[in-house]
Protein backbone atom coordinates (compact mmCIF):
# COMPACT_ATOMS: atom_id res chain seq x y z
CA UNK A 1 19.20 13.32 2.32
CA UNK A 2 19.08 12.32 6.00
CA UNK A 3 22.44 12.06 7.78
CA UNK A 4 23.20 9.28 10.28
CA UNK A 5 26.13 9.01 12.66
CA UNK A 6 27.38 5.47 13.48
CA UNK A 7 29.49 5.16 16.65
CA UNK A 8 31.14 1.77 17.25
CA UNK A 9 34.65 0.70 18.23
CA UNK A 10 34.41 -2.50 16.16
CA UNK A 11 35.74 -1.61 12.71
CA UNK A 12 33.84 -4.34 10.86
CA UNK A 13 30.49 -3.60 12.48
CA UNK A 14 30.95 0.16 12.09
CA UNK A 15 31.84 -0.04 8.41
CA UNK A 16 29.23 -2.70 7.60
CA UNK A 17 26.51 -0.65 9.27
CA UNK A 18 27.60 2.48 7.40
CA UNK A 19 27.56 0.55 4.12
CA UNK A 20 24.01 -0.67 4.73
CA UNK A 21 22.87 2.88 5.44
CA UNK A 22 24.68 4.24 2.36
CA UNK A 23 22.90 1.69 0.18
CA UNK A 24 19.59 2.70 1.75
CA UNK A 25 20.15 6.29 0.64
CA UNK A 26 21.40 7.87 3.84
CA UNK A 27 24.47 10.06 4.27
CA UNK A 28 26.68 8.52 6.96
CA UNK A 29 29.37 9.63 9.38
CA UNK A 30 31.34 7.25 11.57
CA UNK A 31 33.24 7.46 14.84
CA UNK A 32 35.48 4.80 16.39
CA UNK A 33 34.80 5.66 20.05
CA UNK A 34 32.36 7.57 22.26
CA UNK A 35 34.46 10.69 22.67
CA UNK A 36 34.94 11.03 18.93
CA UNK A 37 31.23 10.31 18.46
CA UNK A 38 30.19 13.25 20.65
CA UNK A 39 32.53 15.55 18.71
CA UNK A 40 31.05 14.34 15.39
CA UNK A 41 27.48 14.78 16.63
CA UNK A 42 28.10 18.37 17.75
CA UNK A 43 29.94 19.21 14.54
CA UNK A 44 27.64 17.56 11.97
CA UNK A 45 24.29 17.49 13.83
CA UNK A 46 23.07 14.26 12.22
CA UNK A 47 19.38 13.42 11.88
CA UNK A 48 19.89 10.19 13.87
CA UNK A 49 22.62 8.39 15.82
CA UNK A 50 23.32 4.64 15.99
CA UNK A 51 25.66 3.95 18.90
CA UNK A 52 27.33 0.95 20.54
CA UNK A 53 27.34 0.73 24.35
CA UNK A 54 30.62 -0.92 25.32
CA UNK A 55 33.38 1.35 23.95
CA UNK A 56 36.71 2.71 25.17
CA UNK A 57 37.17 6.27 26.50
CA UNK A 58 33.43 6.93 26.69
CA UNK A 59 30.68 4.30 26.58
CA UNK A 60 27.32 4.65 24.87
CA UNK A 61 25.54 5.74 28.06
CA UNK A 62 28.04 8.56 28.43
CA UNK A 63 27.54 9.60 24.81
CA UNK A 64 23.76 9.74 25.26
CA UNK A 65 24.08 11.65 28.54
CA UNK A 66 26.32 14.33 27.02
CA UNK A 67 24.21 14.73 23.88
CA UNK A 68 20.94 14.99 25.83
CA UNK A 69 22.49 17.78 27.93
CA UNK A 70 23.49 19.78 24.86
CA UNK A 71 20.62 21.97 23.49
CA UNK A 72 21.94 21.49 19.93
CA UNK A 73 21.79 17.69 20.09
CA UNK A 74 19.25 16.85 22.80
CA UNK A 75 16.45 15.92 20.40
CA UNK A 76 18.47 13.84 17.90
CA UNK A 77 16.90 10.33 17.73
CA UNK A 78 19.26 7.83 19.37
CA UNK A 79 19.42 4.05 18.81
CA UNK A 80 21.63 1.78 20.91
CA UNK A 81 23.35 -1.03 19.01
CA UNK A 82 24.80 -3.60 21.39
CA UNK A 83 25.43 -7.24 22.21
CA UNK A 84 23.89 -6.79 25.65
CA UNK A 85 20.45 -8.39 25.95
CA UNK A 86 19.77 -8.09 29.69
CA UNK A 87 16.50 -6.32 30.45
CA UNK A 88 18.16 -4.11 33.05
CA UNK A 89 20.58 -2.76 30.46
CA UNK A 90 17.80 -2.17 27.96
CA UNK A 91 15.68 -0.41 30.60
CA UNK A 92 18.60 1.79 31.64
CA UNK A 93 19.15 2.96 28.08
CA UNK A 94 15.48 3.74 27.48
CA UNK A 95 15.16 5.59 30.80
CA UNK A 96 18.09 7.79 29.78
CA UNK A 97 16.21 8.83 26.66
CA UNK A 98 17.25 6.33 23.97
CA UNK A 99 14.66 5.87 21.24
CA UNK A 100 15.34 2.22 20.49
CA UNK A 101 17.60 -0.69 21.36
CA UNK A 102 18.85 -3.23 18.79
CA UNK A 103 20.96 -6.23 19.75
CA UNK A 104 23.82 -7.74 17.77
CA UNK A 105 23.80 -9.62 15.51
CA UNK A 106 20.99 -7.60 13.96
CA UNK A 107 18.92 -8.00 10.83
CA UNK A 108 19.45 -5.29 8.19
CA UNK A 109 15.70 -4.79 7.75
CA UNK A 110 15.23 -4.50 11.52
CA UNK A 111 17.80 -1.71 11.66
CA UNK A 112 16.39 0.15 8.66
CA UNK A 113 12.80 -0.11 9.95
CA UNK A 114 13.85 1.24 13.33
CA UNK A 115 15.71 4.14 11.73
CA UNK A 116 12.78 5.00 9.46
CA UNK A 117 10.34 4.98 12.36
CA UNK A 118 12.56 7.18 14.55
CA UNK A 119 13.19 9.67 11.75
CA UNK A 120 9.43 9.98 11.18
CA UNK A 121 8.94 10.49 14.91
CA UNK A 122 11.57 13.22 14.89
CA UNK A 123 9.72 15.04 12.12
CA UNK A 124 6.47 14.86 14.08
CA UNK A 125 8.05 16.23 17.26
CA UNK A 126 9.68 19.11 15.38
CA UNK A 127 6.54 20.03 13.44
CA UNK A 128 4.50 23.00 14.60
CA UNK A 129 0.85 22.12 15.18
CA UNK A 130 -2.14 24.40 15.59
CA UNK A 131 -3.02 24.49 19.25
CA UNK A 132 -6.65 23.51 18.70
CA UNK A 133 -8.85 20.52 17.89
CA UNK A 134 -7.45 20.39 14.35
CA UNK A 135 -3.90 20.40 15.69
CA UNK A 136 -4.65 17.48 17.99
CA UNK A 137 -6.05 15.44 15.12
CA UNK A 138 -3.16 16.33 12.80
CA UNK A 139 -0.71 15.27 15.50
CA UNK A 140 -2.44 11.95 16.20
CA UNK A 141 -2.65 11.15 12.49
CA UNK A 142 1.04 12.00 12.00
CA UNK A 143 2.05 9.85 14.98
CA UNK A 144 -0.10 7.04 13.59
CA UNK A 145 1.82 7.38 10.32
CA UNK A 146 5.19 6.91 12.05
CA UNK A 147 4.30 3.38 13.10
CA UNK A 148 4.63 4.29 16.80
CA UNK A 149 0.87 3.92 17.11
CA UNK A 150 0.74 0.92 14.83
CA UNK A 151 -2.14 -0.64 16.72
CA UNK A 152 -4.49 2.17 15.65
CA UNK A 153 -5.33 0.32 12.50
CA UNK A 154 -7.92 -1.60 10.58
CA UNK A 155 -7.55 -4.34 13.22
CA UNK A 156 -10.17 -2.45 15.23
CA UNK A 157 -13.84 -2.74 14.39
CA UNK A 158 -15.46 0.09 12.44
CA UNK A 159 -19.10 0.51 13.51
CA UNK A 160 -21.82 2.25 11.51
CA UNK A 161 -23.75 4.86 13.53
CA UNK A 162 -27.09 6.31 12.47
CA UNK A 163 -27.93 10.00 12.38
CA UNK A 164 -28.62 11.29 15.93
CA UNK A 165 -27.18 8.10 17.46
CA UNK A 166 -25.27 8.71 20.70
CA UNK A 167 -21.55 7.82 20.67
CA UNK A 168 -21.12 8.40 24.40
CA UNK A 169 -23.10 10.21 27.12
CA UNK A 170 -22.13 12.85 29.65
CA UNK A 171 -21.30 11.25 33.00
CA UNK A 172 -20.28 7.87 31.57
CA UNK A 173 -16.78 6.49 32.14
CA UNK A 174 -14.65 6.45 28.95
CA UNK A 175 -13.93 3.08 27.37
CA UNK A 176 -12.78 3.97 23.86
CA UNK A 177 -10.95 6.49 21.74
CA UNK A 178 -13.27 7.12 18.80
CA UNK A 179 -11.88 7.74 15.31
CA UNK A 180 -14.34 9.23 12.82
CA UNK A 181 -13.72 7.32 9.59
CA UNK A 182 -16.68 8.90 7.79
CA UNK A 183 -19.41 11.38 8.71
CA UNK A 184 -19.99 14.26 11.13
CA UNK A 185 -20.51 14.41 14.90
CA UNK A 186 -20.97 16.95 17.67
CA UNK A 187 -20.16 17.15 21.37
CA UNK A 188 -22.69 19.05 23.46
CA UNK A 189 -23.43 19.88 27.09
CA UNK A 190 -26.75 20.29 28.85
CA UNK A 191 -26.90 23.57 30.79
CA UNK A 192 -28.76 23.77 34.08
CA UNK A 193 -31.38 25.94 32.36
CA UNK A 194 -32.20 22.98 30.12
CA UNK A 195 -30.58 24.37 26.98
CA UNK A 196 -28.09 22.38 24.95
CA UNK A 197 -24.78 23.93 23.88
CA UNK A 198 -22.48 22.45 21.23
CA UNK A 199 -18.86 22.71 22.33
CA UNK A 200 -17.15 20.83 19.49
CA UNK A 201 -17.82 19.63 15.95
CA UNK A 202 -16.05 16.73 14.29
CA UNK A 203 -15.64 15.49 10.73
CA UNK A 204 -13.87 12.69 8.88
CA UNK A 205 -10.41 11.98 10.28
CA UNK A 206 -11.06 13.43 13.75
CA UNK A 207 -10.43 11.69 17.09
CA UNK A 208 -13.14 11.98 19.75
CA UNK A 209 -13.06 11.44 23.51
CA UNK A 210 -9.32 11.55 24.20
CA UNK A 211 -9.47 14.19 26.96
CA UNK A 212 -11.53 12.05 29.35
CA UNK A 213 -9.27 9.06 28.64
CA UNK A 214 -6.15 11.09 29.47
CA UNK A 215 -7.73 12.48 32.66
CA UNK A 216 -9.33 9.13 33.61
CA UNK A 217 -12.53 11.05 34.29
CA UNK A 218 -16.16 10.75 33.28
CA UNK A 219 -17.26 12.41 30.07
CA UNK A 220 -18.22 16.05 30.55
CA UNK A 221 -20.20 16.15 27.32
CA UNK A 222 -22.31 13.97 25.04
CA UNK A 223 -21.17 12.96 21.55
CA UNK A 224 -23.85 12.47 18.87
CA UNK A 225 -23.67 11.75 15.15
CA UNK A 226 -25.00 14.52 12.91
CA UNK A 227 -25.35 12.09 10.00
CA UNK A 228 -24.77 8.43 9.28
CA UNK A 229 -21.15 7.83 10.24
CA UNK A 230 -18.50 5.14 10.45
CA UNK A 231 -16.51 5.15 13.69
CA UNK A 232 -13.52 3.07 14.74
CA UNK A 233 -13.44 2.18 18.44
CA UNK A 234 -9.96 1.93 19.93
CA UNK A 235 -9.95 0.49 23.49
CA UNK A 236 -8.91 3.18 25.95
CA UNK A 237 -6.15 1.10 27.55
CA UNK A 238 -4.61 0.48 24.13
CA UNK A 239 -4.63 4.19 23.31
CA UNK A 240 -3.01 5.16 26.63
CA UNK A 241 -0.36 2.48 26.22
CA UNK A 242 0.44 3.70 22.71
CA UNK A 243 0.70 7.33 23.81
CA UNK A 244 2.74 6.78 26.96
CA UNK A 245 5.12 4.15 25.60
CA UNK A 246 7.11 7.08 24.20
CA UNK A 247 7.56 9.95 26.65
CA UNK A 248 8.45 12.51 23.96
CA UNK A 249 5.26 11.72 22.07
CA UNK A 250 3.25 11.99 25.29
CA UNK A 251 4.83 15.36 26.13
CA UNK A 252 4.04 16.77 22.70
CA UNK A 253 0.47 15.48 22.87
CA UNK A 254 -0.13 17.00 26.31
CA UNK A 255 1.32 20.32 25.13
CA UNK A 256 -1.17 20.46 22.28
CA UNK A 257 -4.26 19.49 24.27
CA UNK A 258 -3.32 22.01 26.99
CA UNK A 259 -3.37 24.75 24.37
CA UNK A 260 -6.60 23.28 23.01
CA UNK A 261 -8.22 23.87 26.40
CA UNK A 262 -7.07 27.49 26.29
CA UNK A 263 -8.67 27.89 22.86
CA UNK A 264 -11.96 26.56 24.23
CA UNK A 265 -11.78 29.12 27.04
CA UNK A 266 -11.28 31.87 24.44
CA UNK A 267 -14.29 30.60 22.52
CA UNK A 268 -16.43 30.76 25.68
CA UNK A 269 -15.34 34.36 26.22
CA UNK A 270 -16.32 35.17 22.65
CA UNK A 271 -19.70 33.54 23.24
CA UNK A 272 -20.19 35.73 26.28
CA UNK A 273 -19.01 39.04 24.88
CA UNK A 274 -18.92 38.82 21.08
CA UNK A 275 -21.74 40.29 19.02
CA UNK A 276 -24.22 37.82 17.54
CA UNK A 277 -23.14 38.68 13.98
CA UNK A 278 -19.51 37.94 14.80
CA UNK A 279 -20.39 34.72 16.60
CA UNK A 280 -22.54 33.48 13.72
CA UNK A 281 -19.86 34.45 11.18
CA UNK A 282 -17.16 32.61 13.15
CA UNK A 283 -19.38 29.53 13.52
CA UNK A 284 -20.11 29.43 9.79
CA UNK A 285 -16.40 29.71 9.01
CA UNK A 286 -15.58 26.85 11.39
CA UNK A 287 -18.39 24.72 9.96
CA UNK A 288 -17.19 25.39 6.44
CA UNK A 289 -13.71 24.20 7.43
CA UNK A 290 -15.24 20.97 8.77
CA UNK A 291 -17.43 20.29 5.76
CA UNK A 292 -14.89 21.39 3.17
CA UNK A 293 -11.55 20.46 4.72
CA UNK A 294 -10.47 19.11 1.34
CA UNK A 295 -11.01 22.48 -0.36
CA UNK A 296 -14.43 21.54 -1.74
CA UNK A 297 -17.55 23.68 -1.97
CA UNK A 298 -20.21 21.56 -0.27
CA UNK A 299 -23.32 22.81 1.50
CA UNK A 300 -23.33 22.94 5.30
CA UNK A 301 -25.75 20.10 5.97
CA UNK A 302 -26.44 20.91 9.62
CA UNK A 303 -29.71 21.95 11.21
CA UNK A 304 -30.47 25.50 12.30
CA UNK A 305 -30.98 24.17 15.83
CA UNK A 306 -27.47 22.67 15.91
CA UNK A 307 -25.89 25.87 14.56
CA UNK A 308 -27.77 27.88 17.20
CA UNK A 309 -26.52 25.55 19.94
CA UNK A 310 -22.98 25.92 18.63
CA UNK A 311 -23.27 29.72 18.56
CA UNK A 312 -25.03 29.86 21.94
CA UNK A 313 -28.17 31.68 20.88
CA UNK A 314 -31.86 31.08 20.26
CA UNK A 315 -32.79 29.44 16.97
CA UNK A 316 -35.01 32.41 16.08
CA UNK A 317 -32.11 34.82 16.58
CA UNK A 318 -29.85 32.67 14.42
CA UNK A 319 -32.43 32.52 11.61
CA UNK A 320 -32.76 36.32 11.61
CA UNK A 321 -28.97 36.70 11.42
CA UNK A 322 -28.71 34.17 8.60
CA UNK A 323 -31.44 36.05 6.76
CA UNK A 324 -29.41 39.26 7.11
CA UNK A 325 -26.29 37.48 5.83
CA UNK A 326 -28.25 36.19 2.85
CA UNK A 327 -29.46 39.68 1.95
CA UNK A 328 -25.88 40.95 2.23
CA UNK A 329 -24.81 38.10 -0.12
CA UNK A 330 -22.44 36.70 2.51
CA UNK A 331 -24.12 33.29 2.28
CA UNK A 332 -26.42 31.42 -0.08
CA UNK A 333 -29.42 29.47 1.24
CA UNK A 334 -31.12 27.08 -1.15
CA UNK A 335 -33.56 24.32 -0.23
CA UNK A 336 -32.71 24.92 3.42
CA UNK A 337 -28.99 24.30 2.87
CA UNK A 338 -26.35 26.95 3.47
CA UNK A 339 -23.20 27.57 1.44
CA UNK A 340 -20.53 30.26 1.62
CA UNK A 341 -19.49 31.66 -1.78
CA UNK A 342 -16.64 33.78 -0.37
CA UNK A 343 -15.28 32.95 3.09
CA UNK A 344 -13.07 36.05 3.13
CA UNK A 345 -16.15 38.31 3.31
CA UNK A 346 -17.33 36.52 6.44
CA UNK A 347 -13.85 36.70 7.94
CA UNK A 348 -13.93 40.50 7.65
CA UNK A 349 -16.86 40.56 10.08
CA UNK A 350 -14.61 39.17 12.81
CA UNK A 351 -12.44 42.31 12.93
């Protein structure tokens, strides 16, 4: 049960708000002034705080300032509840780190919706994400689920792309964040020697093209569908507005994509120095995760050429390695399609 602290010097408002929250299934604490509110927050560490601004002894701004300075309370979601409606006052509260601002008299549903959204956001910010492409996508999907990114929705057009159709090209300026509703896609770069190298693979539920949008830079790769796919196009300006309207969400997102860049650098080092067997084994494991993210046992429906480009080797060398893996019963190849009966055996090749 989530605990909420209500700080308000008006007895009726304080008790009525606490009653609403009790009925909604929350555990509530109350404080009649700002000083007492800070003491309660430090003692009980609630999951969220609803606080009035104009109070004796210590106003709401002072409460927020003290709690944000304390490492034990600095990340507790904080909602101002006040009669003040001036934009300057609202802006001041948000700049200090408040999560929301509700004016009196307020609607019960408005308060409960705000609390639910902020609690979901708090869970997202506390959650540990893998610092890789999968972690980025998990984070974006979780943030979408909080309602903070409510405009990433079915309001945007979902286009059908054919196999081998280009989503965007290297050198173009970014216009959209692409969300892969169904299908598979790859991002590749053309080397100066004329060879193509796959740097990322995407499957259902993945976001594509966010790095160039964040950096406001031209695409450094080309995105192409590996099969018929359905892709939602979110205008870039909408995506940036949704990310940066909440500084804590933006900070978490940037932290993850920074680590994602480091993982790509590690992968490039492995391409340069890892043995071909290890590189092929790692690529097959990653492909299997993409094609069977739901725990299924589907074939890897991807061409030998694309696998070779992902591994960074000649197609002939890849085919020889796959043939060796087949003889060693690490993989099964039937009708040109590859499947992995036991991923753990491939994983052992990495060490």
